PDB file of N, CA and C in Angstrom:
ATOM      1  N   MET A   1     131.611  58.380  19.804  1.00  0.00           N
ATOM      2  CA  MET A   1     132.845  59.169  19.936  1.00  0.00           C
ATOM      3  C   MET A   1     133.804  58.413  20.812  1.00  0.00           C
ATOM      4  N   THR A   2     135.068  58.238  20.300  1.00  0.00           N
ATOM      5  CA  THR A   2     136.108  57.525  21.036  1.00  0.00           C
ATOM      6  C   THR A   2     137.057  58.504  21.701  1.00  0.00           C
ATOM      7  N   THR A   3     137.252  58.288  22.964  1.00  0.00           N
ATOM      8  CA  THR A   3     138.203  59.174  23.683  1.00  0.00           C
ATOM      9  C   THR A   3     139.537  58.473  23.832  1.00  0.00           C
ATOM     10  N   MET A   4     140.586  59.136  23.315  1.00  0.00           N
ATOM     11  CA  MET A   4     141.938  58.511  23.443  1.00  0.00           C
ATOM     12  C   MET A   4     142.626  59.135  24.647  1.00  0.00           C
ATOM     13  N   THR A   5     143.202  58.263  25.407  1.00  0.00           N
ATOM     14  CA  THR A   5     144.006  58.718  26.546  1.00  0.00           C
ATOM     15  C   THR A   5     145.488  58.513  26.149  1.00  0.00           C
ATOM     16  N   THR A   6     146.287  59.466  26.467  1.00  0.00           N
ATOM     17  CA  THR A   6     147.696  59.335  26.178  1.00  0.00           C
ATOM     18  C   THR A   6     148.423  59.105  27.493  1.00  0.00           C
ATOM     19  N   GLU A   7     149.250  58.117  27.447  1.00  0.00           N
ATOM     20  CA  GLU A   7     150.051  57.808  28.673  1.00  0.00           C
ATOM     21  C   GLU A   7     151.356  58.576  28.552  1.00  0.00           C
ATOM     22  N   PRO A   8     151.870  59.034  29.691  1.00  0.00           N
ATOM     23  CA  PRO A   8     153.147  59.707  29.654  1.00  0.00           C
ATOM     24  C   PRO A   8     154.218  58.771  29.191  1.00  0.00           C
ATOM     25  N   ALA A   9     155.266  59.324  28.537  1.00  0.00           N
ATOM     26  CA  ALA A   9     156.377  58.485  28.102  1.00  0.00           C
ATOM     27  C   ALA A   9     157.105  57.905  29.286  1.00  0.00           C
ATOM     28  N   ARG A  10     157.597  56.727  29.137  1.00  0.00           N
ATOM     29  CA  ARG A  10     158.329  56.072  30.244  1.00  0.00           C
ATOM     30  C   ARG A  10     159.627  56.835  30.532  1.00  0.00           C
ATOM     31  N   ALA A  11     159.896  57.045  31.821  1.00  0.00           N
ATOM     32  CA  ALA A  11     161.108  57.762  32.213  1.00  0.00           C
ATOM     33  C   ALA A  11     162.330  56.888  31.908  1.00  0.00           C
ATOM     34  N   ARG A  12     163.401  57.532  31.437  1.00  0.00           N
ATOM     35  CA  ARG A  12     164.673  56.877  31.143  1.00  0.00           C
ATOM     36  C   ARG A  12     165.679  57.290  32.180  1.00  0.00           C
ATOM     37  N   ALA A  13     166.544  56.352  32.526  1.00  0.00           N
ATOM     38  CA  ALA A  13     167.616  56.656  33.441  1.00  0.00           C
ATOM     39  C   ALA A  13     168.601  57.591  32.789  1.00  0.00           C
ATOM     40  N   VAL A  14     169.021  58.610  33.483  1.00  0.00           N
ATOM     41  CA  VAL A  14     169.961  59.561  32.929  1.00  0.00           C
ATOM     42  C   VAL A  14     171.406  59.101  33.155  1.00  0.00           C
ATOM     43  N   LEU A  15     171.634  58.457  34.265  1.00  0.00           N
ATOM     44  CA  LEU A  15     173.000  57.987  34.625  1.00  0.00           C
ATOM     45  C   LEU A  15     172.993  56.447  34.709  1.00  0.00           C
ATOM     46  N   SER A  16     174.052  55.855  34.266  1.00  0.00           N
ATOM     47  CA  SER A  16     174.181  54.398  34.378  1.00  0.00           C
ATOM     48  C   SER A  16     174.810  54.055  35.717  1.00  0.00           C
ATOM     49  N   ASN A  17     174.846  52.783  36.042  1.00  0.00           N
ATOM     50  CA  ASN A  17     175.549  52.346  37.290  1.00  0.00           C
ATOM     51  C   ASN A  17     177.068  52.697  37.214  1.00  0.00           C
ATOM     52  N   GLN A  18     177.616  52.524  36.044  1.00  0.00           N
ATOM     53  CA  GLN A  18     178.998  52.892  35.836  1.00  0.00           C
ATOM     54  C   GLN A  18     179.259  54.394  36.124  1.00  0.00           C
ATOM     55  N   ASP A  19     178.312  55.228  35.735  1.00  0.00           N
ATOM     56  CA  ASP A  19     178.420  56.666  36.002  1.00  0.00           C
ATOM     57  C   ASP A  19     178.469  56.934  37.519  1.00  0.00           C
ATOM     58  N   PHE A  20     177.576  56.222  38.242  1.00  0.00           N
ATOM     59  CA  PHE A  20     177.513  56.399  39.678  1.00  0.00           C
ATOM     60  C   PHE A  20     178.874  55.989  40.316  1.00  0.00           C
ATOM     61  N   LYS A  21     179.448  54.901  39.831  1.00  0.00           N
ATOM     62  CA  LYS A  21     180.757  54.466  40.376  1.00  0.00           C
ATOM     63  C   LYS A  21     181.844  55.515  40.028  1.00  0.00           C
ATOM     64  N   LEU A  22     181.828  56.064  38.837  1.00  0.00           N
ATOM     65  CA  LEU A  22     182.836  57.080  38.512  1.00  0.00           C
ATOM     66  C   LEU A  22     182.637  58.324  39.395  1.00  0.00           C
ATOM     67  N   LEU A  23     181.391  58.754  39.592  1.00  0.00           N
ATOM     68  CA  LEU A  23     181.167  59.905  40.464  1.00  0.00           C
ATOM     69  C   LEU A  23     181.610  59.618  41.889  1.00  0.00           C
ATOM     70  N   GLN A  24     181.329  58.408  42.358  1.00  0.00           N
ATOM     71  CA  GLN A  24     181.730  58.031  43.688  1.00  0.00           C
ATOM     72  C   GLN A  24     183.256  58.070  43.861  1.00  0.00           C
ATOM     73  N   GLU A  25     183.983  57.603  42.835  1.00  0.00           N
ATOM     74  CA  GLU A  25     185.466  57.678  42.875  1.00  0.00           C
ATOM     75  C   GLU A  25     185.915  59.144  42.888  1.00  0.00           C
ATOM     76  N   ALA A  26     185.304  60.000  42.108  1.00  0.00           N
ATOM     77  CA  ALA A  26     185.686  61.389  42.081  1.00  0.00           C
ATOM     78  C   ALA A  26     185.432  62.071  43.418  1.00  0.00           C
ATOM     79  N   VAL A  27     184.304  61.752  44.052  1.00  0.00           N
ATOM     80  CA  VAL A  27     183.978  62.345  45.369  1.00  0.00           C
ATOM     81  C   VAL A  27     184.988  61.838  46.407  1.00  0.00           C
ATOM     82  N   LEU A  28     185.344  60.524  46.338  1.00  0.00           N
ATOM     83  CA  LEU A  28     186.338  60.011  47.255  1.00  0.00           C
ATOM     84  C   LEU A  28     187.670  60.679  47.091  1.00  0.00           C
ATOM     85  N   PHE A  29     188.101  60.901  45.881  1.00  0.00           N
ATOM     86  CA  PHE A  29     189.343  61.612  45.602  1.00  0.00           C
ATOM     87  C   PHE A  29     189.316  63.018  46.206  1.00  0.00           C
ATOM     88  N   TYR A  30     188.174  63.713  45.987  1.00  0.00           N
ATOM     89  CA  TYR A  30     188.023  65.063  46.556  1.00  0.00           C
ATOM     90  C   TYR A  30     188.058  65.039  48.071  1.00  0.00           C
ATOM     91  N   MET A  31     187.346  64.066  48.691  1.00  0.00           N
ATOM     92  CA  MET A  31     187.338  64.020  50.129  1.00  0.00           C
ATOM     93  C   MET A  31     188.688  63.798  50.724  1.00  0.00           C
ATOM     94  N   ARG A  32     189.477  62.928  50.082  1.00  0.00           N
ATOM     95  CA  ARG A  32     190.850  62.668  50.630  1.00  0.00           C
ATOM     96  C   ARG A  32     191.739  63.900  50.474  1.00  0.00           C
ATOM     97  N   ALA A  33     191.523  64.675  49.420  1.00  0.00           N
ATOM     98  CA  ALA A  33     192.349  65.868  49.185  1.00  0.00           C
ATOM     99  C   ALA A  33     191.903  67.024  50.095  1.00  0.00           C
ATOM    100  N   HIS A  34     190.693  67.038  50.606  1.00  0.00           N
ATOM    101  CA  HIS A  34     190.132  68.136  51.412  1.00  0.00           C
ATOM    102  C   HIS A  34     189.577  67.655  52.733  1.00  0.00           C
ATOM    103  N   GLU A  35     190.297  66.789  53.382  1.00  0.00           N
ATOM    104  CA  GLU A  35     189.810  66.226  54.655  1.00  0.00           C
ATOM    105  C   GLU A  35     189.470  67.241  55.740  1.00  0.00           C
ATOM    106  N   ASP A  36     190.186  68.348  55.750  1.00  0.00           N
ATOM    107  CA  ASP A  36     189.969  69.331  56.807  1.00  0.00           C
ATOM    108  C   ASP A  36     188.903  70.351  56.482  1.00  0.00           C
ATOM    109  N   ASP A  37     188.341  70.257  55.305  1.00  0.00           N
ATOM    110  CA  ASP A  37     187.278  71.193  54.844  1.00  0.00           C
ATOM    111  C   ASP A  37     186.012  70.941  55.648  1.00  0.00           C
ATOM    112  N   PRO A  38     185.393  71.970  56.186  1.00  0.00           N
ATOM    113  CA  PRO A  38     184.169  71.787  56.968  1.00  0.00           C
ATOM    114  C   PRO A  38     183.006  71.124  56.133  1.00  0.00           C
ATOM    115  N   ILE A  39     183.047  71.292  54.838  1.00  0.00           N
ATOM    116  CA  ILE A  39     181.992  70.720  54.023  1.00  0.00           C
ATOM    117  C   ILE A  39     182.208  69.238  53.697  1.00  0.00           C
ATOM    118  N   SER A  40     183.327  68.699  54.158  1.00  0.00           N
ATOM    119  CA  SER A  40     183.675  67.310  53.831  1.00  0.00           C
ATOM    120  C   SER A  40     182.630  66.305  54.310  1.00  0.00           C
ATOM    121  N   SER A  41     181.904  66.615  55.366  1.00  0.00           N
ATOM    122  CA  SER A  41     180.858  65.736  55.865  1.00  0.00           C
ATOM    123  C   SER A  41     179.749  65.587  54.799  1.00  0.00           C
ATOM    124  N   GLN A  42     179.423  66.650  54.107  1.00  0.00           N
ATOM    125  CA  GLN A  42     178.425  66.596  53.041  1.00  0.00           C
ATOM    126  C   GLN A  42     178.923  65.730  51.913  1.00  0.00           C
ATOM    127  N   TYR A  43     180.196  65.835  51.597  1.00  0.00           N
ATOM    128  CA  TYR A  43     180.737  65.007  50.519  1.00  0.00           C
ATOM    129  C   TYR A  43     180.744  63.529  50.921  1.00  0.00           C
ATOM    130  N   SER A  44     180.986  63.302  52.203  1.00  0.00           N
ATOM    131  CA  SER A  44     180.936  61.935  52.740  1.00  0.00           C
ATOM    132  C   SER A  44     179.521  61.352  52.578  1.00  0.00           C
ATOM    133  N   ASN A  45     178.529  62.112  52.891  1.00  0.00           N
ATOM    134  CA  ASN A  45     177.123  61.693  52.731  1.00  0.00           C
ATOM    135  C   ASN A  45     176.817  61.388  51.278  1.00  0.00           C
ATOM    136  N   LEU A  46     177.302  62.283  50.358  1.00  0.00           N
ATOM    137  CA  LEU A  46     177.097  62.063  48.938  1.00  0.00           C
ATOM    138  C   LEU A  46     177.768  60.801  48.494  1.00  0.00           C
ATOM    139  N   TYR A  47     178.985  60.561  48.965  1.00  0.00           N
ATOM    140  CA  TYR A  47     179.720  59.316  48.621  1.00  0.00           C
ATOM    141  C   TYR A  47     178.890  58.111  48.968  1.00  0.00           C
ATOM    142  N   HIS A  48     178.326  58.071  50.132  1.00  0.00           N
ATOM    143  CA  HIS A  48     177.539  56.924  50.562  1.00  0.00           C
ATOM    144  C   HIS A  48     176.223  56.819  49.805  1.00  0.00           C
ATOM    145  N   ARG A  49     175.614  57.898  49.456  1.00  0.00           N
ATOM    146  CA  ARG A  49     174.370  57.856  48.647  1.00  0.00           C
ATOM    147  C   ARG A  49     174.650  57.315  47.288  1.00  0.00           C
ATOM    148  N   LEU A  50     175.788  57.717  46.686  1.00  0.00           N
ATOM    149  CA  LEU A  50     176.171  57.224  45.369  1.00  0.00           C
ATOM    150  C   LEU A  50     176.429  55.718  45.417  1.00  0.00           C
ATOM    151  N   GLY A  51     177.006  55.261  46.512  1.00  0.00           N
ATOM    152  CA  GLY A  51     177.247  53.826  46.673  1.00  0.00           C
ATOM    153  C   GLY A  51     175.969  53.047  46.788  1.00  0.00           C
ATOM    154  N   SER A  52     174.997  53.590  47.492  1.00  0.00           N
ATOM    155  CA  SER A  52     173.752  52.880  47.642  1.00  0.00           C
ATOM    156  C   SER A  52     172.937  52.884  46.380  1.00  0.00           C
ATOM    157  N   ALA A  53     173.163  53.875  45.497  1.00  0.00           N
ATOM    158  CA  ALA A  53     172.480  53.923  44.211  1.00  0.00           C
ATOM    159  C   ALA A  53     173.001  52.840  43.301  1.00  0.00           C
ATOM    160  N   THR A  54     174.206  52.466  43.444  1.00  0.00           N
ATOM    161  CA  THR A  54     174.753  51.397  42.524  1.00  0.00           C
ATOM    162  C   THR A  54     174.336  50.009  42.991  1.00  0.00           C
ATOM    163  N   ARG A  55     173.890  49.874  44.204  1.00  0.00           N
ATOM    164  CA  ARG A  55     173.457  48.555  44.696  1.00  0.00           C
ATOM    165  C   ARG A  55     171.991  48.259  44.415  1.00  0.00           C
ATOM    166  N   ARG A  56     171.301  49.212  43.854  1.00  0.00           N
ATOM    167  CA  ARG A  56     169.868  48.995  43.529  1.00  0.00           C
ATOM    168  C   ARG A  56     169.659  48.046  42.392  1.00  0.00           C
TER     169      ARG A  56
END
């Protein structure tokens, strides 16, 4: 009796590097328009994370 093992399908990237750059630009635009917003620090963190994702 032969036992077949199935391997999980390989994960595919959902976003391209170009997508990350576009998102980073959009977040930067938002940050500049809402500098005084208390949540702007969270957008700043997101901006930097998106930048580090494109350098991988």
